[in-house]
Amino acid sequence: MATTELGAALRRRRDQVSPGAVGLPTGGHRRAAGLRREELAQLAGISVDYVTRLEQGRAANPSAQVVEALARALRLSADARAHLFHLAGLASPGPDTVPAYITPGIQRMLDRLTGTPVAVFDAAWTQLLANPLYTALMGQWHGDDLNAVWRNFLGAGSRVRHTPESRGALRAQQAADLRRTASRYPADESLQHLVSQLRSKSATFAELWESGAVGPHESARKTIDHPHVGALTLDCDVLSVTGSDVRIMVYTAGPGTQDAERLALLAVVGIQALSG
């Protein structure tokens, strides 16, 4: 019964959300005012087939990550999000869990910053959401590489240009920041697993972790080597939101600079490439 109710709730909410309200194009012929299944799947980062099976009550026991992604894609309020977790047979994440809830206000802000690369990360540095220009700038990550700490110690790395010294400084900051997060959420099993994997697979991370350093990951000026528009040197600022333990990463260029011109070009060619 709960699975059927979950499917009905997803269909009902999908019908109520207009494409424009979630930053999607509103043109073209549409049979209904709400989101298509394909659009919900795209926003949530899951397959269309899985959305279909959930809505038809044929998929049981969705994970907390899937429910969180659907709640985020549908722009649910905190109460509606908690209800969706209940319908999925899951407990709504509590205060001992690294928060992954992005408020509708933050969502609307991201929708309006179309000319600025912006991404939202949780306190463990797992990417929760990125606007199209951020994805065009930094590339699209999947799986473990969605976590910035994992990516820089064990994964694919990024387009940010580094010297051995700057890479070492970044890794030290990330390990110290993750330790600070772990002290705030000692009961979070996903965070414990992430730290355990990093310690066992990366001798560098293990050494930094054992040092006991605790501190924030700070803003910086970064050079990104982009495969299509060339190098961009941008200010990278990390913003926090009062009452929400998420981090908003924003990249900006100085006005009138070549970097600003290349970022404007990327807003056209990069997003077209992603759409293609």
C-alpha atoms as a PDB file:
ATOM      1  CA  MET A   1       0.000   0.000   0.000  1.00  0.00           C
ATOM      2  CA  ALA A   2       2.800   2.436   0.893  1.00  0.00           C
ATOM      3  CA  THR A   3       4.461   1.823  -2.490  1.00  0.00           C
ATOM      4  CA  THR A   4       1.190   2.651  -4.289  1.00  0.00           C
ATOM      5  CA  GLU A   5       0.736   5.787  -2.182  1.00  0.00           C
ATOM      6  CA  LEU A   6       4.315   6.842  -2.938  1.00  0.00           C
ATOM      7  CA  GLY A   7       3.683   6.482  -6.673  1.00  0.00           C
ATOM      8  CA  ALA A   8       0.463   8.486  -6.443  1.00  0.00           C
ATOM      9  CA  ALA A   9       2.227  11.235  -4.478  1.00  0.00           C
ATOM     10  CA  LEU A  10       5.012  11.442  -7.059  1.00  0.00           C
ATOM     11  CA  ARG A  11       2.554  11.658  -9.964  1.00  0.00           C
ATOM     12  CA  ARG A  12       0.451  14.263  -8.184  1.00  0.00           C
ATOM     13  CA  ARG A  13       3.412  16.461  -7.328  1.00  0.00           C
ATOM     14  CA  ARG A  14       4.943  16.057 -10.792  1.00  0.00           C
ATOM     15  CA  ASP A  15       1.688  17.291 -12.318  1.00  0.00           C
ATOM     16  CA  GLN A  16       1.756  20.346 -10.040  1.00  0.00           C
ATOM     17  CA  VAL A  17       5.314  21.510 -10.828  1.00  0.00           C
ATOM     18  CA  SER A  18       5.778  23.619 -13.938  1.00  0.00           C
ATOM     19  CA  PRO A  19       9.037  23.347 -15.908  1.00  0.00           C
ATOM     20  CA  GLY A  20       9.724  27.039 -15.341  1.00  0.00           C
ATOM     21  CA  ALA A  21       9.536  26.547 -11.570  1.00  0.00           C
ATOM     22  CA  VAL A  22      12.497  24.140 -11.685  1.00  0.00           C
ATOM     23  CA  GLY A  23      14.614  26.038 -14.201  1.00  0.00           C
ATOM     24  CA  LEU A  24      13.614  24.069 -17.311  1.00  0.00           C
ATOM     25  CA  PRO A  25      12.602  25.600 -20.678  1.00  0.00           C
ATOM     26  CA  THR A  26       8.882  26.292 -20.927  1.00  0.00           C
ATOM     27  CA  GLY A  27       8.478  26.446 -24.712  1.00  0.00           C
ATOM     28  CA  GLY A  28       7.163  23.814 -27.096  1.00  0.00           C
ATOM     29  CA  HIS A  29       3.948  21.833 -27.143  1.00  0.00           C
ATOM     30  CA  ARG A  30       3.102  20.156 -23.857  1.00  0.00           C
ATOM     31  CA  ARG A  31       0.096  17.961 -23.189  1.00  0.00           C
ATOM     32  CA  ALA A  32       0.137  18.919 -19.508  1.00  0.00           C
ATOM     33  CA  ALA A  33       1.414  21.839 -17.470  1.00  0.00           C
ATOM     34  CA  GLY A  34       3.505  19.713 -15.118  1.00  0.00           C
ATOM     35  CA  LEU A  35       6.807  17.914 -15.489  1.00  0.00           C
ATOM     36  CA  ARG A  36       7.280  14.993 -17.829  1.00  0.00           C
ATOM     37  CA  ARG A  37       8.704  11.803 -16.356  1.00  0.00           C
ATOM     38  CA  GLU A  38      11.832  12.364 -18.416  1.00  0.00           C
ATOM     39  CA  GLU A  39      12.266  15.797 -16.840  1.00  0.00           C
ATOM     40  CA  LEU A  40      11.811  14.509 -13.300  1.00  0.00           C
ATOM     41  CA  ALA A  41      14.331  11.743 -14.002  1.00  0.00           C
ATOM     42  CA  GLN A  42      16.811  14.286 -15.368  1.00  0.00           C
ATOM     43  CA  LEU A  43      16.430  16.577 -12.364  1.00  0.00           C
ATOM     44  CA  ALA A  44      16.732  13.723  -9.862  1.00  0.00           C
ATOM     45  CA  GLY A  45      19.604  11.980 -11.638  1.00  0.00           C
ATOM     46  CA  ILE A  46      17.809   8.627 -11.936  1.00  0.00           C
ATOM     47  CA  SER A  47      16.517   6.643 -14.909  1.00  0.00           C
ATOM     48  CA  VAL A  48      13.147   7.283 -16.546  1.00  0.00           C
ATOM     49  CA  ASP A  49      12.367   3.587 -16.184  1.00  0.00           C
ATOM     50  CA  TYR A  50      12.858   3.778 -12.413  1.00  0.00           C
ATOM     51  CA  VAL A  51      10.623   6.854 -12.140  1.00  0.00           C
ATOM     52  CA  THR A  52       7.976   4.971 -14.131  1.00  0.00           C
ATOM     53  CA  ARG A  53       8.185   1.898 -11.901  1.00  0.00           C
ATOM     54  CA  LEU A  54       7.996   4.040  -8.764  1.00  0.00           C
ATOM     55  CA  GLU A  55       4.923   5.872 -10.019  1.00  0.00           C
ATOM     56  CA  GLN A  56       3.239   2.624 -11.025  1.00  0.00           C
ATOM     57  CA  GLY A  57       3.987   1.000  -7.677  1.00  0.00           C
ATOM     58  CA  ARG A  58       6.255  -1.630  -9.268  1.00  0.00           C
ATOM     59  CA  ALA A  59       9.470  -0.548  -7.501  1.00  0.00           C
ATOM     60  CA  ALA A  60       9.748  -1.294  -3.806  1.00  0.00           C
ATOM     61  CA  ASN A  61      12.152   0.013  -1.180  1.00  0.00           C
ATOM     62  CA  PRO A  62      13.708   3.054  -2.859  1.00  0.00           C
ATOM     63  CA  SER A  63      16.879   4.187  -1.114  1.00  0.00           C
ATOM     64  CA  ALA A  64      17.061   7.306   1.030  1.00  0.00           C
ATOM     65  CA  GLN A  65      19.331   8.850  -1.625  1.00  0.00           C
ATOM     66  CA  VAL A  66      16.681   8.334  -4.325  1.00  0.00           C
ATOM     67  CA  VAL A  67      13.894   9.765  -2.159  1.00  0.00           C
ATOM     68  CA  GLU A  68      16.090  12.752  -1.266  1.00  0.00           C
ATOM     69  CA  ALA A  69      16.849  13.356  -4.948  1.00  0.00           C
ATOM     70  CA  LEU A  70      13.159  13.177  -5.875  1.00  0.00           C
ATOM     71  CA  ALA A  71      12.191  15.557  -3.059  1.00  0.00           C
ATOM     72  CA  ARG A  72      14.878  17.976  -4.226  1.00  0.00           C
ATOM     73  CA  ALA A  73      13.799  17.734  -7.876  1.00  0.00           C
ATOM     74  CA  LEU A  74      10.160  18.347  -6.955  1.00  0.00           C
ATOM     75  CA  ARG A  75      11.071  21.320  -4.719  1.00  0.00           C
ATOM     76  CA  LEU A  76       9.272  19.876  -1.722  1.00  0.00           C
ATOM     77  CA  SER A  77       8.933  21.760   1.539  1.00  0.00           C
ATOM     78  CA  ALA A  78      10.469  20.224   4.660  1.00  0.00           C
ATOM     79  CA  ASP A  79       7.097  18.763   5.726  1.00  0.00           C
ATOM     80  CA  ALA A  80       6.306  17.384   2.267  1.00  0.00           C
ATOM     81  CA  ARG A  81       9.795  15.877   2.075  1.00  0.00           C
ATOM     82  CA  ALA A  82       9.300  14.140   5.442  1.00  0.00           C
ATOM     83  CA  HIS A  83       5.966  12.772   4.183  1.00  0.00           C
ATOM     84  CA  LEU A  84       7.633  11.398   1.039  1.00  0.00           C
ATOM     85  CA  PHE A  85      10.168   9.555   3.189  1.00  0.00           C
ATOM     86  CA  HIS A  86       7.278   8.140   5.240  1.00  0.00           C
ATOM     87  CA  LEU A  87       5.498   6.903   2.108  1.00  0.00           C
ATOM     88  CA  ALA A  88       8.740   5.232   1.016  1.00  0.00           C
ATOM     89  CA  GLY A  89       8.892   3.371   4.338  1.00  0.00           C
ATOM     90  CA  LEU A  90      11.929   5.333   5.486  1.00  0.00           C
ATOM     91  CA  ALA A  91      12.652   7.504   8.480  1.00  0.00           C
ATOM     92  CA  SER A  92      13.233  11.117   7.570  1.00  0.00           C
ATOM     93  CA  PRO A  93      16.916  11.975   8.094  1.00  0.00           C
ATOM     94  CA  GLY A  94      17.443  13.211  11.633  1.00  0.00           C
ATOM     95  CA  PRO A  95      19.861  15.650  13.247  1.00  0.00           C
ATOM     96  CA  ASP A  96      22.604  12.984  13.484  1.00  0.00           C
ATOM     97  CA  THR A  97      22.727  12.694   9.686  1.00  0.00           C
ATOM     98  CA  VAL A  98      24.635  15.013   7.356  1.00  0.00           C
ATOM     99  CA  PRO A  99      21.848  17.262   5.970  1.00  0.00           C
ATOM    100  CA  ALA A 100      21.059  16.950   2.284  1.00  0.00           C
ATOM    101  CA  TYR A 101      17.962  19.160   2.235  1.00  0.00           C
ATOM    102  CA  ILE A 102      18.130  22.169  -0.053  1.00  0.00           C
ATOM    103  CA  THR A 103      15.489  24.733   0.806  1.00  0.00           C
ATOM    104  CA  PRO A 104      13.195  26.059  -1.951  1.00  0.00           C
ATOM    105  CA  GLY A 105      14.824  29.472  -1.429  1.00  0.00           C
ATOM    106  CA  ILE A 106      18.273  28.114  -2.291  1.00  0.00           C
ATOM    107  CA  GLN A 107      16.775  26.319  -5.284  1.00  0.00           C
ATOM    108  CA  ARG A 108      15.215  29.554  -6.556  1.00  0.00           C
ATOM    109  CA  MET A 109      18.504  31.394  -6.117  1.00  0.00           C
ATOM    110  CA  LEU A 110      20.290  28.806  -8.233  1.00  0.00           C
ATOM    111  CA  ASP A 111      17.595  29.041 -10.900  1.00  0.00           C
ATOM    112  CA  ARG A 112      18.245  32.770 -11.213  1.00  0.00           C
ATOM    113  CA  LEU A 113      22.060  32.568 -11.318  1.00  0.00           C
ATOM    114  CA  THR A 114      22.123  31.226 -14.856  1.00  0.00           C
ATOM    115  CA  GLY A 115      25.241  33.199 -15.799  1.00  0.00           C
ATOM    116  CA  THR A 116      27.222  32.077 -12.746  1.00  0.00           C
ATOM    117  CA  PRO A 117      28.607  28.573 -12.089  1.00  0.00           C
ATOM    118  CA  VAL A 118      27.031  27.437  -8.801  1.00  0.00           C
ATOM    119  CA  ALA A 119      26.913  24.081  -7.027  1.00  0.00           C
ATOM    120  CA  VAL A 120      25.599  22.944  -3.644  1.00  0.00           C
ATOM    121  CA  PHE A 121      27.500  20.428  -1.505  1.00  0.00           C
ATOM    122  CA  ASP A 122      26.615  18.795   1.778  1.00  0.00           C
ATOM    123  CA  ALA A 123      28.885  19.057   4.815  1.00  0.00           C
ATOM    124  CA  ALA A 124      30.823  15.951   3.680  1.00  0.00           C
ATOM    125  CA  TRP A 125      31.489  17.582   0.291  1.00  0.00           C
ATOM    126  CA  THR A 126      29.134  15.420  -1.754  1.00  0.00           C
ATOM    127  CA  GLN A 127      27.628  17.419  -4.598  1.00  0.00           C
ATOM    128  CA  LEU A 128      23.862  17.687  -4.203  1.00  0.00           C
ATOM    129  CA  LEU A 129      23.043  20.026  -7.055  1.00  0.00           C
ATOM    130  CA  ALA A 130      24.798  21.981  -9.776  1.00  0.00           C
ATOM    131  CA  ASN A 131      23.462  24.446 -12.303  1.00  0.00           C
ATOM    132  CA  PRO A 132      24.193  23.863 -16.022  1.00  0.00           C
ATOM    133  CA  LEU A 133      27.024  26.423 -16.160  1.00  0.00           C
ATOM    134  CA  TYR A 134      28.844  24.795 -13.219  1.00  0.00           C
ATOM    135  CA  THR A 135      28.572  21.425 -14.961  1.00  0.00           C
ATOM    136  CA  ALA A 136      29.797  22.950 -18.219  1.00  0.00           C
ATOM    137  CA  LEU A 137      32.769  24.486 -16.363  1.00  0.00           C
ATOM    138  CA  MET A 138      33.808  21.564 -14.161  1.00  0.00           C
ATOM    139  CA  GLY A 139      32.406  18.541 -15.999  1.00  0.00           C
ATOM    140  CA  GLN A 140      29.794  16.009 -14.965  1.00  0.00           C
ATOM    141  CA  TRP A 141      30.597  13.617 -12.142  1.00  0.00           C
ATOM    142  CA  HIS A 142      28.983  10.338 -11.190  1.00  0.00           C
ATOM    143  CA  GLY A 143      29.146   7.808  -8.390  1.00  0.00           C
ATOM    144  CA  ASP A 144      31.930   8.224  -5.836  1.00  0.00           C
ATOM    145  CA  ASP A 145      33.381  11.171  -7.789  1.00  0.00           C
ATOM    146  CA  LEU A 146      30.386  13.283  -6.728  1.00  0.00           C
ATOM    147  CA  ASN A 147      32.243  13.607  -3.426  1.00  0.00           C
ATOM    148  CA  ALA A 148      34.984  16.218  -3.805  1.00  0.00           C
ATOM    149  CA  VAL A 149      37.214  14.678  -1.129  1.00  0.00           C
ATOM    150  CA  TRP A 150      37.070  11.230  -2.726  1.00  0.00           C
ATOM    151  CA  ARG A 151      37.650  12.742  -6.163  1.00  0.00           C
ATOM    152  CA  ASN A 152      40.791  14.602  -5.117  1.00  0.00           C
ATOM    153  CA  PHE A 153      42.337  11.716  -3.180  1.00  0.00           C
ATOM    154  CA  LEU A 154      41.200   8.637  -5.124  1.00  0.00           C
ATOM    155  CA  GLY A 155      39.106   9.613  -8.122  1.00  0.00           C
ATOM    156  CA  ALA A 156      39.292  11.377 -11.434  1.00  0.00           C
ATOM    157  CA  GLY A 157      40.503  14.720 -10.086  1.00  0.00           C
ATOM    158  CA  SER A 158      39.146  17.882 -11.656  1.00  0.00           C
ATOM    159  CA  ARG A 159      39.917  20.538 -14.265  1.00  0.00           C
ATOM    160  CA  VAL A 160      41.437  22.812 -11.631  1.00  0.00           C
ATOM    161  CA  ARG A 161      45.133  23.403 -12.324  1.00  0.00           C
ATOM    162  CA  HIS A 162      47.420  22.414  -9.457  1.00  0.00           C
ATOM    163  CA  THR A 163      51.057  22.465  -8.479  1.00  0.00           C
ATOM    164  CA  PRO A 164      52.203  19.736  -6.071  1.00  0.00           C
ATOM    165  CA  GLU A 165      52.090  22.377  -3.326  1.00  0.00           C
ATOM    166  CA  SER A 166      48.575  23.591  -4.098  1.00  0.00           C
ATOM    167  CA  ARG A 167      47.255  20.031  -4.400  1.00  0.00           C
ATOM    168  CA  GLY A 168      48.806  19.178  -1.040  1.00  0.00           C
ATOM    169  CA  ALA A 169      47.255  22.260   0.562  1.00  0.00           C
ATOM    170  CA  LEU A 170      43.818  21.420  -0.882  1.00  0.00           C
ATOM    171  CA  ARG A 171      43.980  17.855   0.374  1.00  0.00           C
ATOM    172  CA  ALA A 172      45.014  19.013   3.838  1.00  0.00           C
ATOM    173  CA  GLN A 173      42.082  21.454   3.923  1.00  0.00           C
ATOM    174  CA  GLN A 174      39.632  18.802   2.760  1.00  0.00           C
ATOM    175  CA  ALA A 175      40.777  16.237   5.323  1.00  0.00           C
ATOM    176  CA  ALA A 176      40.577  18.810   8.111  1.00  0.00           C
ATOM    177  CA  ASP A 177      37.121  19.932   6.999  1.00  0.00           C
ATOM    178  CA  LEU A 178      35.863  16.337   6.766  1.00  0.00           C
ATOM    179  CA  ARG A 179      37.172  15.628  10.273  1.00  0.00           C
ATOM    180  CA  ARG A 180      35.249  18.671  11.534  1.00  0.00           C
ATOM    181  CA  THR A 181      32.088  17.337   9.858  1.00  0.00           C
ATOM    182  CA  ALA A 182      32.630  13.851  11.293  1.00  0.00           C
ATOM    183  CA  SER A 183      32.793  15.324  14.798  1.00  0.00           C
ATOM    184  CA  ARG A 184      29.357  16.937  14.262  1.00  0.00           C
ATOM    185  CA  TYR A 185      27.709  13.816  12.792  1.00  0.00           C
ATOM    186  CA  PRO A 186      29.357  10.833  14.537  1.00  0.00           C
ATOM    187  CA  ALA A 187      26.326   8.590  13.908  1.00  0.00           C
ATOM    188  CA  ASP A 188      26.136   9.137  10.135  1.00  0.00           C
ATOM    189  CA  GLU A 189      26.871   5.716   8.611  1.00  0.00           C
ATOM    190  CA  SER A 190      27.489   7.017   5.080  1.00  0.00           C
ATOM    191  CA  LEU A 191      30.033   9.509   6.418  1.00  0.00           C
ATOM    192  CA  GLN A 192      31.709   6.799   8.497  1.00  0.00           C
ATOM    193  CA  HIS A 193      31.945   4.597   5.395  1.00  0.00           C
ATOM    194  CA  LEU A 194      33.437   7.440   3.333  1.00  0.00           C
ATOM    195  CA  VAL A 195      36.111   8.148   5.937  1.00  0.00           C
ATOM    196  CA  SER A 196      36.870   4.433   6.354  1.00  0.00           C
ATOM    197  CA  GLN A 197      37.313   3.968   2.594  1.00  0.00           C
ATOM    198  CA  LEU A 198      39.519   7.036   2.288  1.00  0.00           C
ATOM    199  CA  ARG A 199      41.715   5.940   5.186  1.00  0.00           C
ATOM    200  CA  SER A 200      42.120   2.419   3.828  1.00  0.00           C
ATOM    201  CA  LYS A 201      42.698   3.344   0.176  1.00  0.00           C
ATOM    202  CA  SER A 202      44.754   6.550   0.473  1.00  0.00           C
ATOM    203  CA  ALA A 203      47.897   6.640   2.589  1.00  0.00           C
ATOM    204  CA  THR A 204      47.987  10.418   2.131  1.00  0.00           C
ATOM    205  CA  PHE A 205      44.471  10.834   3.521  1.00  0.00           C
ATOM    206  CA  ALA A 206      45.199   8.425   6.380  1.00  0.00           C
ATOM    207  CA  GLU A 207      48.273  10.440   7.373  1.00  0.00           C
ATOM    208  CA  LEU A 208      46.350  13.728   7.240  1.00  0.00           C
ATOM    209  CA  TRP A 209      43.465  12.209   9.221  1.00  0.00           C
ATOM    210  CA  GLU A 210      45.777  10.919  11.919  1.00  0.00           C
ATOM    211  CA  SER A 211      47.267  14.405  12.291  1.00  0.00           C
ATOM    212  CA  GLY A 212      43.986  15.430  13.945  1.00  0.00           C
ATOM    213  CA  ALA A 213      43.766  18.763  12.116  1.00  0.00           C
ATOM    214  CA  VAL A 214      40.299  20.344  12.084  1.00  0.00           C
ATOM    215  CA  GLY A 215      39.311  23.352  10.006  1.00  0.00           C
ATOM    216  CA  PRO A 216      37.126  24.730   7.216  1.00  0.00           C
ATOM    217  CA  HIS A 217      37.660  24.373   3.482  1.00  0.00           C
ATOM    218  CA  GLU A 218      38.297  27.977   2.471  1.00  0.00           C
ATOM    219  CA  SER A 219      37.607  30.105  -0.586  1.00  0.00           C
ATOM    220  CA  ALA A 220      40.381  30.452  -3.165  1.00  0.00           C
ATOM    221  CA  ARG A 221      41.338  31.751  -6.601  1.00  0.00           C
ATOM    222  CA  LYS A 222      41.524  28.890  -9.078  1.00  0.00           C
ATOM    223  CA  THR A 223      42.591  28.330 -12.673  1.00  0.00           C
ATOM    224  CA  ILE A 224      40.409  25.869 -14.561  1.00  0.00           C
ATOM    225  CA  ASP A 225      41.783  24.316 -17.748  1.00  0.00           C
ATOM    226  CA  HIS A 226      38.687  23.899 -19.894  1.00  0.00           C
ATOM    227  CA  PRO A 227      38.893  21.702 -23.003  1.00  0.00           C
ATOM    228  CA  HIS A 228      36.807  24.068 -25.170  1.00  0.00           C
ATOM    229  CA  VAL A 229      37.317  27.670 -24.028  1.00  0.00           C
ATOM    230  CA  GLY A 230      40.818  27.452 -22.542  1.00  0.00           C
ATOM    231  CA  ALA A 231      42.075  28.495 -19.129  1.00  0.00           C
ATOM    232  CA  LEU A 232      39.841  30.560 -16.818  1.00  0.00           C
ATOM    233  CA  THR A 233      41.143  32.079 -13.582  1.00  0.00           C
ATOM    234  CA  LEU A 234      38.157  32.581 -11.317  1.00  0.00           C
ATOM    235  CA  ASP A 235      37.346  33.445  -7.715  1.00  0.00           C
ATOM    236  CA  CYS A 236      35.881  30.410  -5.959  1.00  0.00           C
ATOM    237  CA  ASP A 237      33.815  31.382  -2.924  1.00  0.00           C
ATOM    238  CA  VAL A 238      32.220  28.936  -0.510  1.00  0.00           C
ATOM    239  CA  LEU A 239      29.078  30.318   1.117  1.00  0.00           C
ATOM    240  CA  SER A 240      27.129  28.919   4.064  1.00  0.00           C
ATOM    241  CA  VAL A 241      23.411  29.250   4.749  1.00  0.00           C
ATOM    242  CA  THR A 242      22.144  30.061   8.234  1.00  0.00           C
ATOM    243  CA  GLY A 243      20.294  27.092   9.681  1.00  0.00           C
ATOM    244  CA  SER A 244      21.396  24.704   6.922  1.00  0.00           C
ATOM    245  CA  ASP A 245      24.688  22.784   6.928  1.00  0.00           C
ATOM    246  CA  VAL A 246      25.194  22.914   3.165  1.00  0.00           C
ATOM    247  CA  ARG A 247      27.882  24.761   1.208  1.00  0.00           C
ATOM    248  CA  ILE A 248      27.241  26.826  -1.903  1.00  0.00           C
ATOM    249  CA  MET A 249      30.241  27.041  -4.218  1.00  0.00           C
ATOM    250  CA  VAL A 250      30.241  30.018  -6.587  1.00  0.00           C
ATOM    251  CA  TYR A 251      32.729  30.810  -9.361  1.00  0.00           C
ATOM    252  CA  THR A 252      32.991  34.394 -10.632  1.00  0.00           C
ATOM    253  CA  ALA A 253      35.272  36.328 -12.995  1.00  0.00           C
ATOM    254  CA  GLY A 254      36.506  39.897 -12.722  1.00  0.00           C
ATOM    255  CA  PRO A 255      34.424  42.230 -14.941  1.00  0.00           C
ATOM    256  CA  GLY A 256      35.970  43.127 -18.290  1.00  0.00           C
ATOM    257  CA  THR A 257      38.600  40.382 -18.113  1.00  0.00           C
ATOM    258  CA  GLN A 258      39.400  37.664 -20.622  1.00  0.00           C
ATOM    259  CA  ASP A 259      38.197  35.207 -17.990  1.00  0.00           C
ATOM    260  CA  ALA A 260      34.774  36.901 -17.984  1.00  0.00           C
ATOM    261  CA  GLU A 261      34.655  36.667 -21.790  1.00  0.00           C
ATOM    262  CA  ARG A 262      35.517  32.977 -21.713  1.00  0.00           C
ATOM    263  CA  LEU A 263      32.927  32.326 -19.007  1.00  0.00           C
ATOM    264  CA  ALA A 264      30.299  34.080 -21.154  1.00  0.00           C
ATOM    265  CA  LEU A 265      31.355  31.939 -24.126  1.00  0.00           C
ATOM    266  CA  LEU A 266      31.099  28.827 -21.986  1.00  0.00           C
ATOM    267  CA  ALA A 267      27.550  29.804 -21.060  1.00  0.00           C
ATOM    268  CA  VAL A 268      26.707  29.350 -24.749  1.00  0.00           C
ATOM    269  CA  VAL A 269      28.911  26.594 -26.153  1.00  0.00           C
ATOM    270  CA  GLY A 270      29.313  24.568 -22.966  1.00  0.00           C
ATOM    271  CA  ILE A 271      25.624  24.346 -22.164  1.00  0.00           C
ATOM    272  CA  GLN A 272      24.818  23.586 -25.834  1.00  0.00           C
ATOM    273  CA  ALA A 273      27.296  20.687 -25.661  1.00  0.00           C
ATOM    274  CA  LEU A 274      25.636  19.384 -22.493  1.00  0.00           C
ATOM    275  CA  SER A 275      22.201  19.619 -24.120  1.00  0.00           C
ATOM    276  CA  GLY A 276      23.509  17.801 -27.176  1.00  0.00           C
END
